[in-house]
Amino acid sequence: MHRQQRLAGAFRLFAHAGFAQGLAGHITARDPEWTDHFWVNPLGRHFSRIRVSDLLLVNRDGEIVIGDGPVNQAARDPRRDS
């Protein structure tokens, strides 16, 4: 939960600083327990409105494991293709 709280806070800080990328940007954080999974914001939610409950846990293929909502496929792990 600590990682998700920090990530949600980072989204709001980025928005406050003017770094929100409309509705398509993303920030990810690797999960500390499932190191091949990461937390990401749902596609279409402005950075200033991200809450912990909005975050999605996705695997390296970009499949949602926890959460509900569209995920930006640009946020998937690029190493999955290697």
PDB file of N, CA and C in Angstrom:
ATOM      1  N   MET A   1       0.829  -1.190   0.000  1.00  0.00           N
ATOM      2  CA  MET A   1       0.000   0.000   0.000  1.00  0.00           C
ATOM      3  C   MET A   1       0.875   1.256   0.000  1.00  0.00           C
ATOM      4  N   HIS A   2       2.017   1.203   0.654  1.00  0.00           N
ATOM      5  CA  HIS A   2       2.909   2.362   0.707  1.00  0.00           C
ATOM      6  C   HIS A   2       3.327   2.809  -0.702  1.00  0.00           C
ATOM      7  N   ARG A   3       3.688   1.845  -1.546  1.00  0.00           N
ATOM      8  CA  ARG A   3       4.112   2.166  -2.911  1.00  0.00           C
ATOM      9  C   ARG A   3       2.987   2.850  -3.679  1.00  0.00           C
ATOM     10  N   GLN A   4       1.761   2.327  -3.547  1.00  0.00           N
ATOM     11  CA  GLN A   4       0.619   2.921  -4.246  1.00  0.00           C
ATOM     12  C   GLN A   4       0.320   4.332  -3.729  1.00  0.00           C
ATOM     13  N   GLN A   5       0.447   4.546  -2.419  1.00  0.00           N
ATOM     14  CA  GLN A   5       0.205   5.880  -1.860  1.00  0.00           C
ATOM     15  C   GLN A   5       1.214   6.883  -2.411  1.00  0.00           C
ATOM     16  N   ARG A   6       2.454   6.483  -2.478  1.00  0.00           N
ATOM     17  CA  ARG A   6       3.498   7.360  -3.014  1.00  0.00           C
ATOM     18  C   ARG A   6       3.263   7.635  -4.503  1.00  0.00           C
ATOM     19  N   LEU A   7       2.859   6.616  -5.232  1.00  0.00           N
ATOM     20  CA  LEU A   7       2.611   6.787  -6.664  1.00  0.00           C
ATOM     21  C   LEU A   7       1.433   7.729  -6.907  1.00  0.00           C
ATOM     22  N   ALA A   8       0.345   7.544  -6.171  1.00  0.00           N
ATOM     23  CA  ALA A   8      -0.806   8.438  -6.314  1.00  0.00           C
ATOM     24  C   ALA A   8      -0.407   9.875  -5.985  1.00  0.00           C
ATOM     25  N   GLY A   9       0.409  10.066  -4.965  1.00  0.00           N
ATOM     26  CA  GLY A   9       0.898  11.392  -4.622  1.00  0.00           C
ATOM     27  C   GLY A   9       1.777  11.973  -5.721  1.00  0.00           C
ATOM     28  N   ALA A  10       2.579  11.136  -6.350  1.00  0.00           N
ATOM     29  CA  ALA A  10       3.444  11.597  -7.443  1.00  0.00           C
ATOM     30  C   ALA A  10       2.608  12.116  -8.610  1.00  0.00           C
ATOM     31  N   PHE A  11       1.501  11.452  -8.902  1.00  0.00           N
ATOM     32  CA  PHE A  11       0.627  11.928  -9.979  1.00  0.00           C
ATOM     33  C   PHE A  11       0.119  13.331  -9.676  1.00  0.00           C
ATOM     34  N   ARG A  12      -0.315  13.549  -8.451  1.00  0.00           N
ATOM     35  CA  ARG A  12      -0.846  14.863  -8.094  1.00  0.00           C
ATOM     36  C   ARG A  12       0.253  15.928  -8.119  1.00  0.00           C
ATOM     37  N   LEU A  13       1.454  15.572  -7.682  1.00  0.00           N
ATOM     38  CA  LEU A  13       2.584  16.513  -7.749  1.00  0.00           C
ATOM     39  C   LEU A  13       2.937  16.854  -9.201  1.00  0.00           C
ATOM     40  N   PHE A  14       2.958  15.859 -10.055  1.00  0.00           N
ATOM     41  CA  PHE A  14       3.240  16.102 -11.470  1.00  0.00           C
ATOM     42  C   PHE A  14       2.184  17.022 -12.078  1.00  0.00           C
ATOM     43  N   ALA A  15       0.926  16.792 -11.741  1.00  0.00           N
ATOM     44  CA  ALA A  15      -0.152  17.639 -12.261  1.00  0.00           C
ATOM     45  C   ALA A  15       0.013  19.068 -11.763  1.00  0.00           C
ATOM     46  N   HIS A  16       0.317  19.221 -10.486  1.00  0.00           N
ATOM     47  CA  HIS A  16       0.492  20.552  -9.905  1.00  0.00           C
ATOM     48  C   HIS A  16       1.645  21.304 -10.570  1.00  0.00           C
ATOM     49  N   ALA A  17       2.686  20.572 -10.955  1.00  0.00           N
ATOM     50  CA  ALA A  17       3.854  21.177 -11.596  1.00  0.00           C
ATOM     51  C   ALA A  17       3.646  21.384 -13.099  1.00  0.00           C
ATOM     52  N   GLY A  18       2.489  20.987 -13.612  1.00  0.00           N
ATOM     53  CA  GLY A  18       2.191  21.188 -15.026  1.00  0.00           C
ATOM     54  C   GLY A  18       2.674  20.084 -15.945  1.00  0.00           C
ATOM     55  N   PHE A  19       3.028  18.946 -15.381  1.00  0.00           N
ATOM     56  CA  PHE A  19       3.532  17.841 -16.196  1.00  0.00           C
ATOM     57  C   PHE A  19       2.476  16.820 -16.583  1.00  0.00           C
ATOM     58  N   ALA A  20       1.217  17.092 -16.312  1.00  0.00           N
ATOM     59  CA  ALA A  20       0.149  16.170 -16.705  1.00  0.00           C
ATOM     60  C   ALA A  20       0.093  16.134 -18.225  1.00  0.00           C
ATOM     61  N   GLN A  21       0.051  14.950 -18.777  1.00  0.00           N
ATOM     62  CA  GLN A  21       0.051  14.784 -20.226  1.00  0.00           C
ATOM     63  C   GLN A  21      -1.364  14.551 -20.750  1.00  0.00           C
ATOM     64  N   GLY A  22      -2.268  15.441 -20.442  1.00  0.00           N
ATOM     65  CA  GLY A  22      -3.645  15.244 -20.884  1.00  0.00           C
ATOM     66  C   GLY A  22      -4.215  14.002 -20.256  1.00  0.00           C
ATOM     67  N   LEU A  23      -4.737  13.126 -21.071  1.00  0.00           N
ATOM     68  CA  LEU A  23      -5.351  11.907 -20.554  1.00  0.00           C
ATOM     69  C   LEU A  23      -4.584  10.647 -20.937  1.00  0.00           C
ATOM     70  N   ALA A  24      -3.437  10.784 -21.595  1.00  0.00           N
ATOM     71  CA  ALA A  24      -2.758   9.601 -22.107  1.00  0.00           C
ATOM     72  C   ALA A  24      -1.417   9.294 -21.440  1.00  0.00           C
ATOM     73  N   GLY A  25      -0.898  10.169 -20.583  1.00  0.00           N
ATOM     74  CA  GLY A  25       0.399   9.926 -19.968  1.00  0.00           C
ATOM     75  C   GLY A  25       0.335   8.864 -18.887  1.00  0.00           C
ATOM     76  N   HIS A  26       1.499   8.412 -18.445  1.00  0.00           N
ATOM     77  CA  HIS A  26       1.534   7.425 -17.373  1.00  0.00           C
ATOM     78  C   HIS A  26       2.824   7.533 -16.581  1.00  0.00           C
ATOM     79  N   ILE A  27       2.750   7.062 -15.349  1.00  0.00           N
ATOM     80  CA  ILE A  27       3.906   6.864 -14.479  1.00  0.00           C
ATOM     81  C   ILE A  27       3.739   5.462 -13.922  1.00  0.00           C
ATOM     82  N   THR A  28       4.813   4.713 -13.831  1.00  0.00           N
ATOM     83  CA  THR A  28       4.728   3.359 -13.295  1.00  0.00           C
ATOM     84  C   THR A  28       5.658   3.197 -12.102  1.00  0.00           C
ATOM     85  N   ALA A  29       5.340   2.228 -11.261  1.00  0.00           N
ATOM     86  CA  ALA A  29       6.192   1.849 -10.132  1.00  0.00           C
ATOM     87  C   ALA A  29       6.161   0.335 -10.000  1.00  0.00           C
ATOM     88  N   ARG A  30       7.322  -0.260  -9.962  1.00  0.00           N
ATOM     89  CA  ARG A  30       7.410  -1.723  -9.840  1.00  0.00           C
ATOM     90  C   ARG A  30       6.879  -2.149  -8.477  1.00  0.00           C
ATOM     91  N   ASP A  31       6.130  -3.239  -8.450  1.00  0.00           N
ATOM     92  CA  ASP A  31       5.610  -3.764  -7.189  1.00  0.00           C
ATOM     93  C   ASP A  31       6.754  -4.398  -6.409  1.00  0.00           C
ATOM     94  N   PRO A  32       6.870  -4.118  -5.101  1.00  0.00           N
ATOM     95  CA  PRO A  32       7.993  -4.655  -4.330  1.00  0.00           C
ATOM     96  C   PRO A  32       7.922  -6.163  -4.074  1.00  0.00           C
ATOM     97  N   GLU A  33       6.733  -6.743  -4.125  1.00  0.00           N
ATOM     98  CA  GLU A  33       6.596  -8.178  -3.875  1.00  0.00           C
ATOM     99  C   GLU A  33       6.582  -8.984  -5.166  1.00  0.00           C
ATOM    100  N   TRP A  34       5.830  -8.530  -6.146  1.00  0.00           N
ATOM    101  CA  TRP A  34       5.769  -9.183  -7.456  1.00  0.00           C
ATOM    102  C   TRP A  34       6.610  -8.337  -8.396  1.00  0.00           C
ATOM    103  N   THR A  35       7.903  -8.606  -8.448  1.00  0.00           N
ATOM    104  CA  THR A  35       8.828  -7.725  -9.148  1.00  0.00           C
ATOM    105  C   THR A  35       8.655  -7.727 -10.666  1.00  0.00           C
ATOM    106  N   ASP A  36       7.851  -8.629 -11.190  1.00  0.00           N
ATOM    107  CA  ASP A  36       7.560  -8.602 -12.623  1.00  0.00           C
ATOM    108  C   ASP A  36       6.196  -7.950 -12.897  1.00  0.00           C
ATOM    109  N   HIS A  37       5.642  -7.262 -11.893  1.00  0.00           N
ATOM    110  CA  HIS A  37       4.386  -6.522 -12.010  1.00  0.00           C
ATOM    111  C   HIS A  37       4.653  -5.064 -11.639  1.00  0.00           C
ATOM    112  N   PHE A  38       3.811  -4.179 -12.134  1.00  0.00           N
ATOM    113  CA  PHE A  38       3.968  -2.778 -11.777  1.00  0.00           C
ATOM    114  C   PHE A  38       2.621  -2.086 -11.683  1.00  0.00           C
ATOM    115  N   TRP A  39       2.619  -0.978 -10.940  1.00  0.00           N
ATOM    116  CA  TRP A  39       1.430  -0.165 -10.729  1.00  0.00           C
ATOM    117  C   TRP A  39       1.429   0.977 -11.735  1.00  0.00           C
ATOM    118  N   VAL A  40       0.279   1.267 -12.299  1.00  0.00           N
ATOM    119  CA  VAL A  40       0.146   2.314 -13.307  1.00  0.00           C
ATOM    120  C   VAL A  40      -1.228   2.956 -13.189  1.00  0.00           C
ATOM    121  N   ASN A  41      -1.337   4.154 -13.689  1.00  0.00           N
ATOM    122  CA  ASN A  41      -2.629   4.843 -13.697  1.00  0.00           C
ATOM    123  C   ASN A  41      -3.502   4.320 -14.830  1.00  0.00           C
ATOM    124  N   PRO A  42      -4.825   4.383 -14.669  1.00  0.00           N
ATOM    125  CA  PRO A  42      -5.711   3.997 -15.771  1.00  0.00           C
ATOM    126  C   PRO A  42      -5.679   5.050 -16.874  1.00  0.00           C
ATOM    127  N   LEU A  43      -5.809   4.622 -18.094  1.00  0.00           N
ATOM    128  CA  LEU A  43      -5.867   5.517 -19.243  1.00  0.00           C
ATOM    129  C   LEU A  43      -7.109   6.391 -19.138  1.00  0.00           C
ATOM    130  N   GLY A  44      -6.947   7.678 -19.409  1.00  0.00           N
ATOM    131  CA  GLY A  44      -8.096   8.572 -19.435  1.00  0.00           C
ATOM    132  C   GLY A  44      -8.398   9.297 -18.138  1.00  0.00           C
ATOM    133  N   ARG A  45      -7.604   9.099 -17.108  1.00  0.00           N
ATOM    134  CA  ARG A  45      -7.804   9.797 -15.837  1.00  0.00           C
ATOM    135  C   ARG A  45      -6.711  10.848 -15.691  1.00  0.00           C
ATOM    136  N   HIS A  46      -7.086  12.104 -15.484  1.00  0.00           N
ATOM    137  CA  HIS A  46      -6.105  13.176 -15.341  1.00  0.00           C
ATOM    138  C   HIS A  46      -5.268  12.948 -14.085  1.00  0.00           C
ATOM    139  N   PHE A  47      -3.987  13.270 -14.172  1.00  0.00           N
ATOM    140  CA  PHE A  47      -3.061  13.052 -13.058  1.00  0.00           C
ATOM    141  C   PHE A  47      -3.567  13.664 -11.753  1.00  0.00           C
ATOM    142  N   SER A  48      -4.212  14.806 -11.826  1.00  0.00           N
ATOM    143  CA  SER A  48      -4.664  15.489 -10.614  1.00  0.00           C
ATOM    144  C   SER A  48      -5.795  14.740  -9.909  1.00  0.00           C
ATOM    145  N   ARG A  49      -6.382  13.772 -10.561  1.00  0.00           N
ATOM    146  CA  ARG A  49      -7.523  13.051  -9.993  1.00  0.00           C
ATOM    147  C   ARG A  49      -7.206  11.604  -9.609  1.00  0.00           C
ATOM    148  N   ILE A  50      -5.949  11.206  -9.713  1.00  0.00           N
ATOM    149  CA  ILE A  50      -5.558   9.826  -9.404  1.00  0.00           C
ATOM    150  C   ILE A  50      -5.571   9.594  -7.897  1.00  0.00           C
ATOM    151  N   ARG A  51      -6.220   8.505  -7.506  1.00  0.00           N
ATOM    152  CA  ARG A  51      -6.234   8.046  -6.108  1.00  0.00           C
ATOM    153  C   ARG A  51      -5.662   6.634  -6.057  1.00  0.00           C
ATOM    154  N   VAL A  52      -5.307   6.189  -4.880  1.00  0.00           N
ATOM    155  CA  VAL A  52      -4.775   4.835  -4.714  1.00  0.00           C
ATOM    156  C   VAL A  52      -5.743   3.809  -5.298  1.00  0.00           C
ATOM    157  N   SER A  53      -7.022   3.992  -5.068  1.00  0.00           N
ATOM    158  CA  SER A  53      -8.012   3.032  -5.542  1.00  0.00           C
ATOM    159  C   SER A  53      -8.135   3.000  -7.068  1.00  0.00           C
ATOM    160  N   ASP A  54      -7.597   3.999  -7.757  1.00  0.00           N
ATOM    161  CA  ASP A  54      -7.633   4.040  -9.221  1.00  0.00           C
ATOM    162  C   ASP A  54      -6.496   3.250  -9.856  1.00  0.00           C
ATOM    163  N   LEU A  55      -5.423   3.017  -9.118  1.00  0.00           N
ATOM    164  CA  LEU A  55      -4.231   2.406  -9.696  1.00  0.00           C
ATOM    165  C   LEU A  55      -4.474   0.965 -10.120  1.00  0.00           C
ATOM    166  N   LEU A  56      -3.766   0.559 -11.162  1.00  0.00           N
ATOM    167  CA  LEU A  56      -3.879  -0.788 -11.709  1.00  0.00           C
ATOM    168  C   LEU A  56      -2.562  -1.526 -11.519  1.00  0.00           C
ATOM    169  N   LEU A  57      -2.635  -2.781 -11.098  1.00  0.00           N
ATOM    170  CA  LEU A  57      -1.448  -3.633 -11.062  1.00  0.00           C
ATOM    171  C   LEU A  57      -1.477  -4.451 -12.342  1.00  0.00           C
ATOM    172  N   VAL A  58      -0.428  -4.326 -13.143  1.00  0.00           N
ATOM    173  CA  VAL A  58      -0.369  -5.048 -14.409  1.00  0.00           C
ATOM    174  C   VAL A  58       0.879  -5.918 -14.463  1.00  0.00           C
ATOM    175  N   ASN A  59       0.784  -6.995 -15.232  1.00  0.00           N
ATOM    176  CA  ASN A  59       1.952  -7.853 -15.417  1.00  0.00           C
ATOM    177  C   ASN A  59       2.769  -7.332 -16.590  1.00  0.00           C
ATOM    178  N   ARG A  60       3.858  -7.975 -16.899  1.00  0.00           N
ATOM    179  CA  ARG A  60       4.756  -7.481 -17.943  1.00  0.00           C
ATOM    180  C   ARG A  60       4.150  -7.516 -19.337  1.00  0.00           C
ATOM    181  N   ASP A  61       3.041  -8.226 -19.505  1.00  0.00           N
ATOM    182  CA  ASP A  61       2.348  -8.246 -20.791  1.00  0.00           C
ATOM    183  C   ASP A  61       1.283  -7.162 -20.881  1.00  0.00           C
ATOM    184  N   GLY A  62       1.152  -6.360 -19.811  1.00  0.00           N
ATOM    185  CA  GLY A  62       0.162  -5.295 -19.810  1.00  0.00           C
ATOM    186  C   GLY A  62      -1.231  -5.750 -19.426  1.00  0.00           C
ATOM    187  N   GLU A  63      -1.350  -6.957 -18.891  1.00  0.00           N
ATOM    188  CA  GLU A  63      -2.642  -7.483 -18.453  1.00  0.00           C
ATOM    189  C   GLU A  63      -2.922  -7.037 -17.027  1.00  0.00           C
ATOM    190  N   ILE A  64      -4.125  -6.575 -16.771  1.00  0.00           N
ATOM    191  CA  ILE A  64      -4.499  -6.098 -15.442  1.00  0.00           C
ATOM    192  C   ILE A  64      -4.675  -7.278 -14.494  1.00  0.00           C
ATOM    193  N   VAL A  65      -3.991  -7.223 -13.358  1.00  0.00           N
ATOM    194  CA  VAL A  65      -4.069  -8.252 -12.322  1.00  0.00           C
ATOM    195  C   VAL A  65      -4.952  -7.761 -11.174  1.00  0.00           C
ATOM    196  N   ILE A  66      -4.814  -6.493 -10.811  1.00  0.00           N
ATOM    197  CA  ILE A  66      -5.637  -5.869  -9.776  1.00  0.00           C
ATOM    198  C   ILE A  66      -6.116  -4.530 -10.308  1.00  0.00           C
ATOM    199  N   GLY A  67      -7.395  -4.257 -10.124  1.00  0.00           N
ATOM    200  CA  GLY A  67      -7.970  -2.989 -10.543  1.00  0.00           C
ATOM    201  C   GLY A  67      -8.871  -3.146 -11.746  1.00  0.00           C
ATOM    202  N   ASP A  68      -9.461  -2.035 -12.110  1.00  0.00           N
ATOM    203  CA  ASP A  68     -10.402  -2.055 -13.221  1.00  0.00           C
ATOM    204  C   ASP A  68     -10.263  -0.751 -14.000  1.00  0.00           C
ATOM    205  N   GLY A  69     -10.182  -0.850 -15.273  1.00  0.00           N
ATOM    206  CA  GLY A  69     -10.085   0.324 -16.119  1.00  0.00           C
ATOM    207  C   GLY A  69      -9.161   0.061 -17.284  1.00  0.00           C
ATOM    208  N   PRO A  70      -9.178   0.941 -18.258  1.00  0.00           N
ATOM    209  CA  PRO A  70      -8.294   0.751 -19.414  1.00  0.00           C
ATOM    210  C   PRO A  70      -6.851   1.084 -19.050  1.00  0.00           C
ATOM    211  N   VAL A  71      -5.934   0.287 -19.550  1.00  0.00           N
ATOM    212  CA  VAL A  71      -4.515   0.530 -19.291  1.00  0.00           C
ATOM    213  C   VAL A  71      -3.858   0.996 -20.592  1.00  0.00           C
ATOM    214  N   ASN A  72      -2.987   1.973 -20.471  1.00  0.00           N
ATOM    215  CA  ASN A  72      -2.235   2.477 -21.613  1.00  0.00           C
ATOM    216  C   ASN A  72      -1.190   1.423 -21.971  1.00  0.00           C
ATOM    217  N   GLN A  73      -1.275   0.827 -23.143  1.00  0.00           N
ATOM    218  CA  GLN A  73      -0.349  -0.235 -23.524  1.00  0.00           C
ATOM    219  C   GLN A  73       1.085   0.264 -23.681  1.00  0.00           C
ATOM    220  N   ALA A  74       1.272   1.570 -23.791  1.00  0.00           N
ATOM    221  CA  ALA A  74       2.624   2.121 -23.831  1.00  0.00           C
ATOM    222  C   ALA A  74       3.319   1.945 -22.483  1.00  0.00           C
ATOM    223  N   ALA A  75       2.555   1.655 -21.442  1.00  0.00           N
ATOM    224  CA  ALA A  75       3.124   1.488 -20.105  1.00  0.00           C
ATOM    225  C   ALA A  75       3.614   0.072 -19.848  1.00  0.00           C
ATOM    226  N   ARG A  76       3.417  -0.836 -20.779  1.00  0.00           N
ATOM    227  CA  ARG A  76       3.838  -2.222 -20.552  1.00  0.00           C
ATOM    228  C   ARG A  76       5.355  -2.331 -20.523  1.00  0.00           C
ATOM    229  N   ASP A  77       5.853  -3.410 -19.996  1.00  0.00           N
ATOM    230  CA  ASP A  77       7.289  -3.637 -19.859  1.00  0.00           C
ATOM    231  C   ASP A  77       7.880  -3.914 -21.246  1.00  0.00           C
ATOM    232  N   PRO A  78       8.753  -3.044 -21.743  1.00  0.00           N
ATOM    233  CA  PRO A  78       9.319  -3.277 -23.081  1.00  0.00           C
ATOM    234  C   PRO A  78      10.206  -4.504 -23.166  1.00  0.00           C
ATOM    235  N   ARG A  79      10.674  -5.009 -22.016  1.00  0.00           N
ATOM    236  CA  ARG A  79      11.528  -6.197 -22.021  1.00  0.00           C
ATOM    237  C   ARG A  79      10.763  -7.452 -22.369  1.00  0.00           C
ATOM    238  N   ARG A  80       9.424  -7.390 -22.366  1.00  0.00           N
ATOM    239  CA  ARG A  80       8.633  -8.581 -22.660  1.00  0.00           C
ATOM    240  C   ARG A  80       8.846  -9.056 -24.091  1.00  0.00           C
ATOM    241  N   ASP A  81       9.304  -8.158 -24.965  1.00  0.00           N
ATOM    242  CA  ASP A  81       9.508  -8.497 -26.361  1.00  0.00           C
ATOM    243  C   ASP A  81      10.892  -9.098 -26.611  1.00  0.00           C
ATOM    244  N   SER A  82      11.724  -9.111 -25.589  1.00  0.00           N
ATOM    245  CA  SER A  82      13.086  -9.625 -25.803  1.00  0.00           C
ATOM    246  C   SER A  82      13.218 -11.062 -25.383  1.00  0.00           C
TER     247      SER A  82
END
